[in-house]
Protein backbone atom coordinates (compact mmCIF):
# COMPACT_ATOMS: atom_id res chain seq x y z
CA MET A 1 106.40 73.06 96.91
CA ASP A 2 106.82 73.07 100.69
CA ALA A 3 103.54 72.23 102.46
CA ASN A 4 104.17 75.09 104.90
CA PHE A 5 104.00 77.88 102.31
CA THR A 6 103.14 78.70 98.72
CA ILE A 7 104.81 81.05 96.25
CA SER A 8 103.01 83.00 93.54
CA ARG A 9 104.41 85.40 90.96
CA LYS A 10 102.96 88.51 89.36
CA GLY A 11 105.32 90.48 87.20
CA ARG A 12 108.54 91.04 89.13
CA VAL A 13 106.93 90.41 92.53
CA ALA A 14 107.01 87.06 94.34
CA THR A 15 104.48 86.53 97.14
CA ILE A 16 105.16 83.91 99.80
CA MET A 17 102.17 82.84 101.89
CA LEU A 18 102.59 80.78 105.05
CA THR A 19 99.99 78.02 104.91
CA ARG A 20 99.55 76.50 108.35
CA PRO A 21 96.35 78.34 109.34
CA ASP A 22 95.27 75.52 111.66
CA ARG A 23 98.42 76.22 113.72
CA ARG A 24 98.21 79.99 113.19
CA ASN A 25 101.24 79.61 110.93
CA ALA A 26 103.52 78.54 113.77
CA LEU A 27 107.15 78.57 112.65
CA THR A 28 109.13 75.31 112.53
CA ARG A 29 112.78 74.59 111.79
CA SER A 30 111.86 72.86 108.54
CA LEU A 31 109.83 75.89 107.45
CA ALA A 32 112.76 78.19 108.22
CA HIS A 33 115.14 75.97 106.26
CA ASP A 34 112.88 75.65 103.23
CA LEU A 35 111.94 79.32 103.24
CA GLY A 36 115.61 80.26 103.26
CA LEU A 37 116.25 78.07 100.24
CA GLN A 38 113.29 79.55 98.38
CA VAL A 39 114.28 83.19 98.92
CA SER A 40 117.82 82.33 97.82
CA MET A 41 116.42 80.97 94.56
CA LEU A 42 114.27 84.07 94.14
CA GLU A 43 117.32 86.27 94.67
CA ALA A 44 119.13 84.34 91.92
CA ASP A 45 116.24 85.03 89.53
CA ARG A 46 116.95 88.34 87.79
CA ASP A 47 113.24 88.70 86.98
CA VAL A 48 112.29 89.07 90.66
CA GLY A 49 112.59 92.54 92.14
CA CYS A 50 110.72 92.29 95.45
CA VAL A 51 109.24 89.68 97.82
CA VAL A 52 106.03 89.93 99.85
CA LEU A 53 105.63 87.64 102.87
CA THR A 54 102.19 87.06 104.41
CA GLY A 55 100.15 84.43 106.22
CA GLU A 56 96.99 82.50 105.45
CA GLY A 57 94.04 82.81 107.80
CA ARG A 58 93.82 84.85 110.99
CA ALA A 59 97.55 85.11 111.68
CA PHE A 60 100.71 86.24 109.94
CA ALA A 61 102.54 83.91 112.33
CA ALA A 62 101.64 83.47 115.98
CA GLY A 63 105.13 82.41 117.00
CA ALA A 64 107.57 79.53 116.91
CA ASP A 65 106.13 76.03 117.20
CA ILE A 66 106.25 75.44 120.97
CA ALA A 67 105.56 71.71 120.63
CA GLU A 68 108.76 71.38 118.59
CA MET A 69 110.84 72.92 121.39
CA GLN A 70 109.08 71.95 124.60
CA ASN A 71 111.15 68.89 125.52
CA ARG A 72 114.53 70.16 124.32
CA THR A 73 117.39 70.71 126.75
CA ALA A 74 119.82 73.62 126.69
CA GLN A 75 122.39 71.26 125.21
CA ASP A 76 119.96 70.24 122.46
CA MET A 77 119.24 73.86 121.57
CA GLN A 78 122.91 74.82 121.55
CA GLN A 79 124.12 71.82 119.57
CA THR A 80 121.51 72.34 116.86
CA ASP A 81 121.93 76.14 117.05
CA HIS A 82 118.15 76.47 117.08
CA PHE A 83 116.85 79.43 115.03
CA ALA A 84 120.08 79.67 113.01
CA GLU A 85 117.99 78.37 110.09
CA TRP A 86 116.56 81.89 109.75
CA ASP A 87 119.95 83.35 108.84
CA GLN A 88 119.50 82.42 105.17
CA PHE A 89 116.18 84.27 104.99
CA VAL A 90 117.78 87.36 106.55
CA ALA A 91 120.71 87.12 104.12
CA CYS A 92 118.45 87.44 101.06
CA ARG A 93 119.34 90.77 99.47
CA LEU A 94 116.01 91.34 97.73
CA PRO A 95 113.70 93.93 99.32
CA LYS A 96 111.15 92.07 101.47
CA ILE A 97 107.77 93.36 102.61
CA ALA A 98 105.89 91.75 105.49
CA ALA A 99 102.12 92.05 104.98
CA VAL A 100 100.87 91.34 108.49
CA ASN A 101 97.34 90.04 108.82
CA GLY A 102 96.17 89.21 112.34
CA TYR A 103 98.69 88.00 114.89
CA ALA A 104 102.44 88.54 114.62
CA LEU A 105 103.60 87.30 118.00
CA GLY A 106 106.93 85.98 119.25
CA GLY A 107 108.71 84.47 116.28
CA GLY A 108 106.04 85.93 114.01
CA CYS A 109 106.89 89.46 115.15
CA GLU A 110 110.57 88.63 114.77
CA LEU A 111 109.99 87.27 111.24
CA ALA A 112 108.19 90.47 110.28
CA MET A 113 111.14 92.47 111.61
CA MET A 114 113.50 90.43 109.39
CA CYS A 115 111.76 92.08 106.44
CA ASP A 116 112.61 95.57 105.21
CA ILE A 117 109.12 97.09 105.39
CA ILE A 118 106.14 96.03 107.50
CA VAL A 119 102.60 96.97 106.48
CA ALA A 120 99.67 95.75 108.55
CA GLY A 121 95.94 95.35 108.45
CA GLN A 122 94.05 97.34 111.06
CA SER A 123 93.30 94.20 113.13
CA ALA A 124 96.96 93.12 113.35
CA GLN A 125 98.51 92.48 116.76
CA PHE A 126 102.24 92.51 117.57
CA GLY A 127 104.10 91.26 120.60
CA GLN A 128 107.00 89.35 122.15
CA PRO A 129 105.28 87.18 124.78
CA GLU A 130 108.17 84.76 125.34
CA ILE A 131 108.68 85.92 128.93
CA GLY A 132 105.43 84.15 129.80
CA LEU A 133 106.98 80.86 128.63
CA GLY A 134 110.03 81.25 130.81
CA VAL A 135 112.32 82.22 127.91
CA ILE A 136 113.23 85.30 125.88
CA PRO A 137 112.92 86.15 122.18
CA GLY A 138 115.38 83.99 120.25
CA MET A 139 115.01 85.01 116.58
CA GLY A 140 116.47 88.49 116.97
CA GLY A 141 113.64 90.17 118.88
CA THR A 142 115.76 91.73 121.62
CA GLN A 143 118.04 93.26 118.99
CA ARG A 144 115.78 94.30 116.11
CA LEU A 145 113.01 95.65 118.34
CA VAL A 146 115.45 98.00 120.07
CA ARG A 147 116.70 99.26 116.72
CA LEU A 148 113.17 99.89 115.45
CA ILE A 149 111.36 101.37 118.46
CA GLY A 150 114.11 102.22 120.95
CA ARG A 151 115.36 100.62 124.15
CA VAL A 152 112.65 101.86 126.55
CA ARG A 153 109.68 100.70 124.47
CA ALA A 154 111.40 97.43 123.53
CA MET A 155 112.18 96.72 127.18
CA GLU A 156 108.56 97.32 128.16
CA MET A 157 107.19 95.02 125.44
CA ILE A 158 109.67 92.22 126.14
CA LEU A 159 109.52 92.30 129.94
CA THR A 160 105.72 92.55 130.16
CA GLY A 161 104.82 90.48 127.09
CA ARG A 162 102.22 93.13 126.22
CA GLN A 163 100.65 92.99 122.78
CA ILE A 164 100.16 96.16 120.77
CA ASP A 165 97.73 96.87 117.96
CA ALA A 166 98.58 98.11 114.49
CA ILE A 167 97.84 101.75 115.30
CA GLU A 168 100.31 101.78 118.19
CA ALA A 169 102.84 99.79 116.15
CA GLU A 170 102.75 102.46 113.46
CA ARG A 171 102.96 105.29 115.99
CA ILE A 172 106.11 103.93 117.66
CA GLY A 173 107.85 103.06 114.40
CA LEU A 174 107.56 99.27 114.34
CA ILE A 175 105.61 99.27 111.08
CA ALA A 176 105.43 101.59 108.09
CA ARG A 177 101.68 101.75 107.48
CA VAL A 178 98.25 100.57 108.63
CA VAL A 179 95.59 99.84 106.03
CA PRO A 180 92.09 98.33 106.17
CA ASP A 181 92.26 94.55 106.47
CA ALA A 182 90.51 94.09 103.14
CA ASP A 183 93.11 96.26 101.39
CA LEU A 184 96.24 94.73 102.93
CA GLN A 185 97.27 92.31 100.20
CA ASP A 186 96.58 94.78 97.38
CA HIS A 187 98.47 97.53 99.20
CA ALA A 188 101.50 95.30 99.79
CA ALA A 189 101.41 94.07 96.18
CA ASP A 190 101.28 97.65 94.85
CA MET A 191 104.17 98.71 97.06
CA ALA A 192 106.20 95.69 95.98
CA ALA A 193 105.44 96.33 92.31
CA ARG A 194 106.65 99.92 92.68
CA ILE A 195 109.89 98.78 94.32
CA ALA A 196 110.37 96.06 91.69
CA SER A 197 109.88 98.61 88.88
CA PHE A 198 113.16 100.32 89.77
CA GLY A 199 116.66 99.12 88.95
CA ARG A 200 117.33 95.89 90.85
CA THR A 201 120.95 96.74 91.62
CA ALA A 202 120.01 100.10 93.11
CA THR A 203 117.22 98.69 95.30
CA ILE A 204 119.45 95.92 96.63
CA LEU A 205 122.25 98.34 97.44
CA ALA A 206 119.87 100.94 98.90
CA ARG A 207 118.54 98.45 101.48
CA GLU A 208 122.11 97.38 102.24
CA ALA A 209 123.15 100.99 102.86
CA VAL A 210 120.15 101.62 105.14
CA ASN A 211 120.87 98.46 107.09
CA ARG A 212 124.47 99.60 107.65
CA ALA A 213 123.10 102.53 109.65
CA ASP A 214 122.42 100.07 112.49
CA GLU A 215 125.97 98.75 112.42
CA MET A 216 128.27 101.71 111.72
CA PRO A 217 129.11 105.07 113.29
CA LEU A 218 127.74 107.96 111.21
CA ARG A 219 131.07 108.81 109.56
CA GLU A 220 131.70 105.26 108.33
CA GLY A 221 128.07 104.92 107.24
CA VAL A 222 128.20 108.09 105.16
CA LEU A 223 131.43 106.93 103.52
CA PHE A 224 129.86 103.53 102.77
CA GLU A 225 126.83 105.23 101.21
CA ARG A 226 129.08 107.46 99.10
CA ARG A 227 131.08 104.51 97.76
CA VAL A 228 127.89 102.66 96.84
CA PHE A 229 126.60 105.80 95.12
CA HIS A 230 129.83 106.12 93.14
CA GLY A 231 129.79 102.44 92.22
CA LEU A 232 126.36 102.64 90.60
CA PHE A 233 127.68 104.96 87.91
CA GLY A 234 128.22 103.06 84.68
CA SER A 235 125.38 100.63 85.36
CA LEU A 236 122.77 100.42 82.66
CA ASP A 237 120.09 101.45 85.13
CA GLN A 238 121.98 104.61 86.10
CA ILE A 239 122.47 105.48 82.42
CA GLU A 240 118.80 104.83 81.62
CA GLY A 241 117.45 106.56 84.74
CA MET A 242 119.36 109.79 84.23
CA GLN A 243 118.83 109.82 80.47
CA ALA A 244 115.09 109.38 80.98
CA PHE A 245 115.09 112.27 83.46
CA ILE A 246 116.84 114.56 80.95
CA GLU A 247 114.44 113.46 78.19
CA LYS A 248 111.40 113.91 80.49
CA ARG A 249 110.14 110.34 80.06
CA LEU A 250 109.62 107.30 82.27
CA PRO A 251 112.72 105.08 82.56
CA THR A 252 112.79 101.46 81.48
CA PHE A 253 115.05 99.68 83.91
CA ASN A 254 116.78 96.33 83.38
CA ALA A 255 118.98 94.08 85.49
CA GLY A 256 121.54 96.82 86.13
CA VAL A 257 124.44 95.08 84.35
CA LYS A 258 127.58 97.16 83.91
CA ARG A 259 128.57 98.29 80.46
CA ASN A 260 131.73 96.70 79.05
CA ASP A 261 133.55 99.87 78.10
């Protein structure tokens, strides 16, 4: 297991905990690489339906590891394509929940935004303070923040480096829900278990369709959604889900494999 994080399993939910509390879970290239490999393996496991990402200690992740980057030149950063290691984590098609405890700053805020749903403890803090280091967000912050909270609010956060608390983050649409700190992990686990209880094919395609809304004009997005909807017919989960509805019982979903006929 990577020394930077641990993975635990309960039912169909996998929980990844960042374990560098002495560095406030600062994000390194090796962590990004290894985390990408791990989520790829979880995606390949048909018994995993949802992933929860959280951090040990007082921070979800307080940013990228500055010491790792401090002495790099522009040529160094370009040649290594620094931060490209996160692409594999983003590419994981499983639903991902960020359970944010404490600080989610810089790369930590950007990592949370790579997930599909963000829930936060009441003491959580969010921000993109890179401007104070003479740089800008580099893990997608200028792009994802605009899509989540709008251009005006994103511009203000990025240009001032101002941190916001969980209440404000929920109000402006950065996160889905605020819960008491003591309830955060249980709340995220319950949400993940609910998501994982549904048909895996449908949940994967639902998040893909929602994500397309950021990339397509409305007409193309609606057509994409319709084709995905059509394509789910004939899956075992569609058959079971609709049959259970007709029979007024709870469905028992499986891997969503298509029938052969």
